[in-house]
Amino acid sequence: MSKWLAVAFVFLAPLSAAAQNQGPMIVERVPSGFVFAPDAKVTDVDHRTSELIGGNLGWAVDQTVFVGGGGYWLVNNSHDTEMGYGGFVFQWLGGSTDRFGWGVKALIGGGSATLTDTVSVVVPVYPPMPTPYANGRPDVGRLPPPTYKTVSAQVRVHDDFFVAEPELDMRLRLSRHTRLTAGIGYRAATGDRRDDGRLMGAVGSVGIQFGGGL
C-alpha cells in the first residue's frame, strides 16, 4: 500500500506545485447596459446638402451587440423642405476593450417628408368681348376663340416613406463608458411618390456614446 502512495505522490506533486504558481483563477463578467448615443449627420436631401440631428437609445449586450431605436430630424431653416425618420436600430460592436473599435449599424423604419414641387397647368385666355349692338347685346357669333397659356406654381407635397440606412462606424474610447464615433453610410428610401431619389443620399455622422456594455 505504501508503495502505491509513493507513486501517487510522485505524479501529483508537480501538478500541485503548478497550481500554486499560477494563483487563483479570476472570472470577470463582460458588462452590459443601457446606451444613449446622440449624433449629427450631414447628408443629401432633395439634392441639397443638409443637416440632421438625433440619436439612438437601447441596450448593449456583452460589449458586442446593441439593440434599440433611433430617430433623426432635418434642421435646415427652410420651411419648404421638412423630413424626419426613425425605427429599429441594430449594431454589431467590435474592439470594445481597445482604444479604437468599430461598429456596423443599420436603421430600418419609416418617416415623412415635405418637399417642394413645380406644377404646371394650361389655362384658357379669352379675348375682350366684342362691341355690343345698339340693344346692348354682344355679337356672340363674332367672338374669337380663346388662346391657351401655361401657368407654373410652387406647391408643397407630403410623402411618407420606408427607410433603410446601413452605416459603418469607427469608435474612439474616451473612458470606460464613453465612446466618440464617426461613420459613413447611405439612406435608401421608398415612398408614395415616384421620385424617391430626392429622399436618398450618402450620410456622414459624428456622435458620442454613453453607457454600459460598450
Foldseek 3Di string as FASTA:
>chain_A
DVVVVVVVCVVCVVVVVVDVVVDDDDDDDQKKKKKWKWKKKWKAAQNDTFIKTKTWIAIADSLFKTWTKIKIWTDDPDPQKTKIWMAIKIKTWAPLVHQKIKIKMKTWTKIKMKHKDKDKDKDWDFDDFADPDPVRHGPVVPGDGTDIDIDIDIDIDMKIKTKMKIKMKMWGDPDQFKIKIKIKIWIDIDIPDDPSVSGIIIMIMTIMMGIMND
